[in-house]
Protein backbone atom coordinates (compact mmCIF):
# COMPACT_ATOMS: atom_id res chain seq x y z
CA MET A 1 2.95 -1.29 18.47
CA LEU A 2 2.96 0.43 15.10
CA THR A 3 0.48 -0.81 12.49
CA VAL A 4 1.15 0.09 8.87
CA VAL A 5 -1.98 -0.49 6.79
CA LYS A 6 -2.17 -0.40 3.01
CA ILE A 7 -5.56 0.00 1.37
CA GLY A 8 -6.18 -0.58 -2.33
CA GLY A 9 -8.25 0.90 -5.10
CA ASN A 10 -11.18 -1.53 -5.00
CA VAL A 11 -12.08 -0.37 -1.49
CA ILE A 12 -11.40 3.28 -2.27
CA ASP A 13 -13.82 2.98 -5.20
CA ASP A 14 -16.66 1.89 -2.89
CA PRO A 15 -17.77 4.77 -0.62
CA GLN A 16 -19.43 2.51 1.98
CA LYS A 17 -16.54 0.05 2.17
CA LEU A 18 -14.10 2.93 2.50
CA ALA A 19 -16.17 4.59 5.23
CA ASP A 20 -16.38 1.33 7.20
CA PHE A 21 -12.66 0.70 6.74
CA LEU A 22 -11.72 4.19 7.95
CA THR A 23 -13.93 3.74 11.02
CA ASP A 24 -12.02 0.55 11.88
CA PHE A 25 -8.66 2.14 11.08
CA ALA A 26 -9.38 5.13 13.30
CA ALA A 27 -10.25 2.74 16.13
CA LEU A 28 -6.94 0.83 15.92
CA GLU A 29 -4.97 1.15 19.11
CA GLY A 30 -1.35 2.24 19.14
CA PHE A 31 0.61 4.13 16.51
CA LYS A 32 -0.51 3.76 12.90
CA ILE A 33 0.21 4.77 9.33
CA LEU A 34 -2.12 4.45 6.34
CA VAL A 35 -0.75 3.97 2.83
CA HIS A 36 -3.27 4.13 0.00
CA GLY A 37 -3.41 3.36 -3.67
CA GLY A 38 -6.22 4.37 -5.97
CA GLY A 39 -5.38 2.95 -9.34
CA LYS A 40 -8.93 2.55 -10.64
CA LEU A 41 -9.84 6.20 -10.09
CA ALA A 42 -6.62 7.29 -11.81
CA THR A 43 -7.45 4.97 -14.69
CA ARG A 44 -10.92 6.50 -15.04
CA PHE A 45 -9.47 10.02 -15.10
CA ALA A 46 -6.89 8.94 -17.69
CA GLU A 47 -9.59 7.43 -19.90
CA ARG A 48 -11.71 10.58 -19.53
CA LEU A 49 -8.75 12.66 -20.71
CA GLY A 50 -7.87 10.27 -23.53
CA VAL A 51 -4.56 9.17 -21.99
CA PRO A 52 -3.78 5.48 -22.70
CA VAL A 53 -3.39 3.22 -19.66
CA LYS A 54 -0.55 0.70 -19.85
CA MET A 55 0.21 -1.95 -17.21
CA HIS A 56 2.80 -4.70 -16.81
CA GLU A 57 2.46 -7.37 -14.09
CA GLY A 58 0.22 -5.13 -12.02
CA ARG A 59 2.47 -2.07 -12.27
CA ARG A 60 1.50 1.09 -14.12
CA ILE A 61 3.72 2.37 -16.91
CA THR A 62 3.93 6.11 -16.24
CA ASP A 63 4.54 8.63 -19.00
CA THR A 64 4.53 12.38 -18.30
CA GLU A 65 0.76 12.81 -18.78
CA THR A 66 0.03 9.81 -16.59
CA LEU A 67 2.30 11.17 -13.86
CA GLU A 68 0.36 14.43 -13.85
CA ILE A 69 -2.92 12.54 -13.50
CA ILE A 70 -1.82 10.25 -10.68
CA THR A 71 -0.22 13.13 -8.79
CA MET A 72 -3.53 15.01 -8.88
CA VAL A 73 -5.65 11.94 -8.10
CA TYR A 74 -3.44 10.14 -5.56
CA GLY A 75 -1.73 13.08 -3.86
CA GLY A 76 -4.72 15.38 -4.10
CA LEU A 77 -8.26 14.06 -4.41
CA ILE A 78 -7.95 10.63 -2.76
CA ASN A 79 -5.42 11.62 -0.10
CA LYS A 80 -7.34 14.65 1.13
CA GLN A 81 -10.71 12.90 1.07
CA ILE A 82 -9.27 10.18 3.30
CA VAL A 83 -7.69 12.75 5.63
CA ALA A 84 -11.00 14.62 5.95
CA GLN A 85 -12.89 11.41 6.73
CA LEU A 86 -10.35 10.40 9.37
CA GLN A 87 -10.57 13.83 11.00
CA ALA A 88 -14.34 13.27 11.23
CA ARG A 89 -13.50 10.12 13.22
CA ASP A 90 -11.22 11.99 15.67
CA CYS A 91 -8.11 10.56 14.01
CA ASN A 92 -5.51 13.31 13.58
CA ALA A 93 -4.44 12.45 10.04
CA LEU A 94 -1.73 14.18 8.03
CA GLY A 95 -1.77 13.67 4.26
CA ILE A 96 1.68 13.41 2.68
CA ILE A 97 3.66 12.22 -0.34
CA GLY A 98 7.25 11.01 -0.31
CA ALA A 99 8.60 14.45 -1.25
CA ASP A 100 7.19 16.02 1.93
CA LEU A 101 9.97 16.38 4.52
CA ASP A 102 12.08 14.26 2.14
CA LEU A 103 10.32 11.25 3.68
CA ILE A 104 10.74 8.76 0.82
CA LEU A 105 13.53 9.08 -1.72
CA ALA A 106 13.32 7.00 -4.89
CA SER A 107 15.13 6.52 -8.18
CA LYS A 108 13.66 6.17 -11.65
CA ARG A 109 13.22 2.51 -12.46
CA PRO A 110 15.70 1.40 -15.13
CA ILE A 111 14.56 -0.31 -18.32
CA LYS A 112 14.52 -4.05 -17.62
CA ASN A 113 13.80 -6.89 -20.03
CA GLY A 114 12.70 -4.32 -22.60
CA ILE A 115 10.07 -2.77 -20.28
CA ASP A 116 10.32 0.99 -19.75
CA TYR A 117 8.09 1.97 -16.82
CA GLY A 118 8.58 5.69 -17.47
CA TRP A 119 8.36 7.90 -14.37
CA ALA A 120 8.06 4.95 -12.02
CA GLY A 121 10.15 5.04 -8.87
CA ASP A 122 11.95 2.41 -6.84
CA VAL A 123 12.33 3.29 -3.16
CA GLN A 124 15.90 4.01 -2.10
CA ARG A 125 15.44 5.41 1.40
CA VAL A 126 12.77 6.03 4.01
CA ASP A 127 13.58 8.72 6.58
CA GLN A 128 12.88 6.72 9.70
CA LEU A 129 13.48 9.56 12.16
CA ALA A 130 11.18 11.96 10.32
CA PHE A 131 8.36 9.42 10.45
CA VAL A 132 9.07 8.76 14.14
CA ARG A 133 8.86 12.48 14.93
CA LEU A 134 5.52 12.80 13.12
CA ILE A 135 4.08 9.76 14.86
CA GLU A 136 5.30 10.70 18.32
CA ALA A 137 3.92 14.21 17.80
CA GLY A 138 0.47 12.63 17.50
CA ALA A 139 0.04 12.66 13.73
CA VAL A 140 -1.32 9.69 11.77
CA PRO A 141 0.47 9.82 8.39
CA VAL A 142 -1.68 9.08 5.35
CA VAL A 143 0.76 8.38 2.55
CA ALA A 144 -0.04 8.74 -1.15
CA PRO A 145 2.15 6.65 -3.49
CA ILE A 146 4.17 9.51 -4.97
CA THR A 147 7.89 9.79 -4.22
CA HIS A 148 10.71 12.01 -5.52
CA ASP A 149 14.29 11.60 -6.69
CA GLY A 150 15.87 14.50 -4.78
CA GLN A 151 16.41 16.40 -8.05
CA GLY A 152 12.90 17.81 -8.39
CA GLN A 153 11.30 14.89 -10.22
CA LEU A 154 8.17 13.24 -8.83
CA LEU A 155 7.86 9.48 -9.32
CA ASN A 156 4.92 7.09 -9.30
CA THR A 157 5.75 4.35 -6.82
CA ASN A 158 3.83 1.17 -6.12
CA SER A 159 1.83 1.64 -2.90
CA ASP A 160 2.48 -1.95 -1.78
CA THR A 161 6.21 -1.19 -2.07
CA ILE A 162 5.87 2.02 -0.07
CA ALA A 163 3.97 0.25 2.72
CA SER A 164 6.62 -2.48 2.88
CA ALA A 165 9.48 0.04 2.89
CA ILE A 166 7.93 2.16 5.65
CA ALA A 167 7.14 -0.86 7.84
CA SER A 168 10.65 -2.25 7.31
CA ALA A 169 12.34 1.07 8.11
CA LEU A 170 10.33 1.64 11.28
CA SER A 171 10.67 -1.92 12.57
CA GLY A 172 13.94 -0.84 14.15
CA HIS A 173 12.12 1.72 16.31
CA PHE A 174 8.70 0.17 16.94
CA THR A 175 7.30 -3.34 17.15
CA THR A 176 5.72 -3.22 13.72
CA ARG A 177 3.10 -5.10 11.79
CA LEU A 178 2.12 -4.61 8.16
CA VAL A 179 -1.44 -5.21 6.98
CA TYR A 180 -2.38 -5.32 3.30
CA CYS A 181 -6.14 -4.75 3.02
CA PHE A 182 -8.05 -5.38 -0.18
CA ASP A 183 -11.31 -6.99 -1.33
CA LYS A 184 -10.50 -10.65 -0.59
CA LYS A 185 -10.11 -12.54 2.67
CA GLY A 186 -6.41 -13.03 1.94
CA VAL A 187 -4.41 -15.25 -0.41
CA LEU A 188 -6.78 -17.70 -2.10
CA THR A 189 -5.88 -20.96 -3.86
CA HIS A 190 -8.94 -20.43 -6.06
CA PRO A 191 -9.29 -16.68 -6.65
CA GLU A 192 -13.08 -16.78 -6.99
CA ASP A 193 -13.65 -18.96 -3.91
CA GLU A 194 -13.42 -17.11 -0.59
CA ASN A 195 -13.38 -20.45 1.21
CA SER A 196 -10.01 -21.34 -0.36
CA LEU A 197 -8.16 -19.00 2.00
CA LEU A 198 -4.57 -19.91 2.86
CA PRO A 199 -4.01 -19.22 6.58
CA LYS A 200 -0.23 -19.00 5.97
CA ILE A 201 2.06 -18.65 2.96
CA ASN A 202 5.83 -18.81 2.55
CA ARG A 203 7.97 -17.79 -0.42
CA ALA A 204 8.25 -21.30 -1.88
CA LEU A 205 4.48 -21.69 -1.96
CA PHE A 206 4.12 -18.21 -3.45
CA GLU A 207 6.55 -19.04 -6.26
CA GLN A 208 4.60 -22.23 -6.97
CA TYR A 209 1.26 -20.41 -7.15
CA LYS A 210 2.79 -17.62 -9.24
CA ALA A 211 4.11 -20.16 -11.77
CA GLN A 212 0.67 -21.79 -11.91
CA GLY A 213 -1.05 -18.45 -12.47
CA ILE A 214 -3.04 -18.71 -9.24
CA ILE A 215 -1.33 -15.56 -7.96
CA SER A 216 -1.13 -13.03 -10.77
CA ALA A 217 -1.39 -9.38 -11.84
CA GLY A 218 -1.55 -6.94 -8.89
CA MET A 219 -1.18 -9.71 -6.32
CA ILE A 220 2.39 -10.34 -7.50
CA PRO A 221 3.90 -7.02 -6.32
CA LYS A 222 1.75 -7.18 -3.20
CA MET A 223 3.16 -10.57 -2.21
CA GLU A 224 6.73 -9.71 -3.24
CA ASN A 225 6.62 -6.68 -0.96
CA ALA A 226 5.00 -8.66 1.83
CA PHE A 227 7.92 -11.09 1.80
CA VAL A 228 10.46 -8.26 1.75
CA ALA A 229 8.89 -6.80 4.90
CA ALA A 230 8.83 -10.19 6.65
CA GLU A 231 12.49 -10.73 5.78
CA ARG A 232 13.50 -7.28 7.06
CA GLY A 233 12.21 -7.57 10.58
CA VAL A 234 8.53 -6.63 10.47
CA GLU A 235 7.05 -8.74 13.26
CA LYS A 236 3.85 -9.72 11.45
CA VAL A 237 2.72 -9.34 7.85
CA ILE A 238 -0.93 -9.99 7.03
CA VAL A 239 -2.96 -9.98 3.82
CA THR A 240 -6.65 -9.60 4.56
CA ARG A 241 -10.00 -8.07 3.69
CA SER A 242 -10.71 -4.39 4.32
CA ASP A 243 -13.40 -5.15 6.90
CA ALA A 244 -11.11 -7.36 9.00
CA LEU A 245 -9.07 -4.71 10.85
CA ALA A 246 -11.24 -5.09 13.94
CA TYR A 247 -10.25 -8.78 14.18
CA LEU A 248 -6.46 -8.51 13.85
CA ASP A 249 -5.90 -9.43 17.50
CA SER A 250 -8.73 -11.93 17.79
CA VAL A 251 -7.70 -15.56 18.17
CA ASP A 252 -11.15 -16.84 17.26
CA ASN A 253 -12.24 -14.34 14.58
CA PHE A 254 -9.00 -13.52 12.76
CA ILE A 255 -9.40 -13.36 8.98
CA GLY A 256 -6.45 -13.35 6.60
CA THR A 257 -3.21 -14.87 5.43
CA VAL A 258 -0.06 -14.58 7.55
CA VAL A 259 3.07 -14.16 5.42
CA GLU A 260 6.09 -16.15 6.60
CA TRP A 261 9.66 -16.26 5.32
């Protein structure tokens, strides 16, 4: 079993939540990959440097200055702090970006509906065999959401997309599950009410909730990528809270939303 886990910025921003999450991640049995975001920290650095932050439907618009900031914050500070903490938990982590070993090739997102995302990348290819070699050699990849275009240009790529693409690519080699961890129990029908958890969601229900504004902002790309993974052969796709990793295989104590297609 390969478990691909994506962790978001709200947990990364909280040192205790992150420490607890990494303890649970390190304890996961089987092969594993961690994909992380870190948008809030990048936003704080941008504001400190006087660089405007622009978003559209949960995705960051990336000019040249913003790309420099997120490369330093995502690929440097956050990635290496996570690697160091995993090593302290006897988890042999390897921090990487998509350019390393040509692991994740992307293309610059074209202007669509008048929106220019700048140096934002759309994943074109994941090198399945390179990931397999790393994993089977005993490494636990920790992937920062930076890719490249093969021509020397780094690209900011949505971390939910990267997690989905990696899980999808490796589902042909491993029995694979994808787990999106953030600060809610899962998909909620009332975003402020943790008791409104949906145990399952399909695309039709997602489109309904999206139209009603129940699912919005950063949850939109998360759910879109969750459905892509489910449709491409990932055995199980789960959206859950960061402290729920220990209960993934528990029939009685499972927390989260299972994504169906």
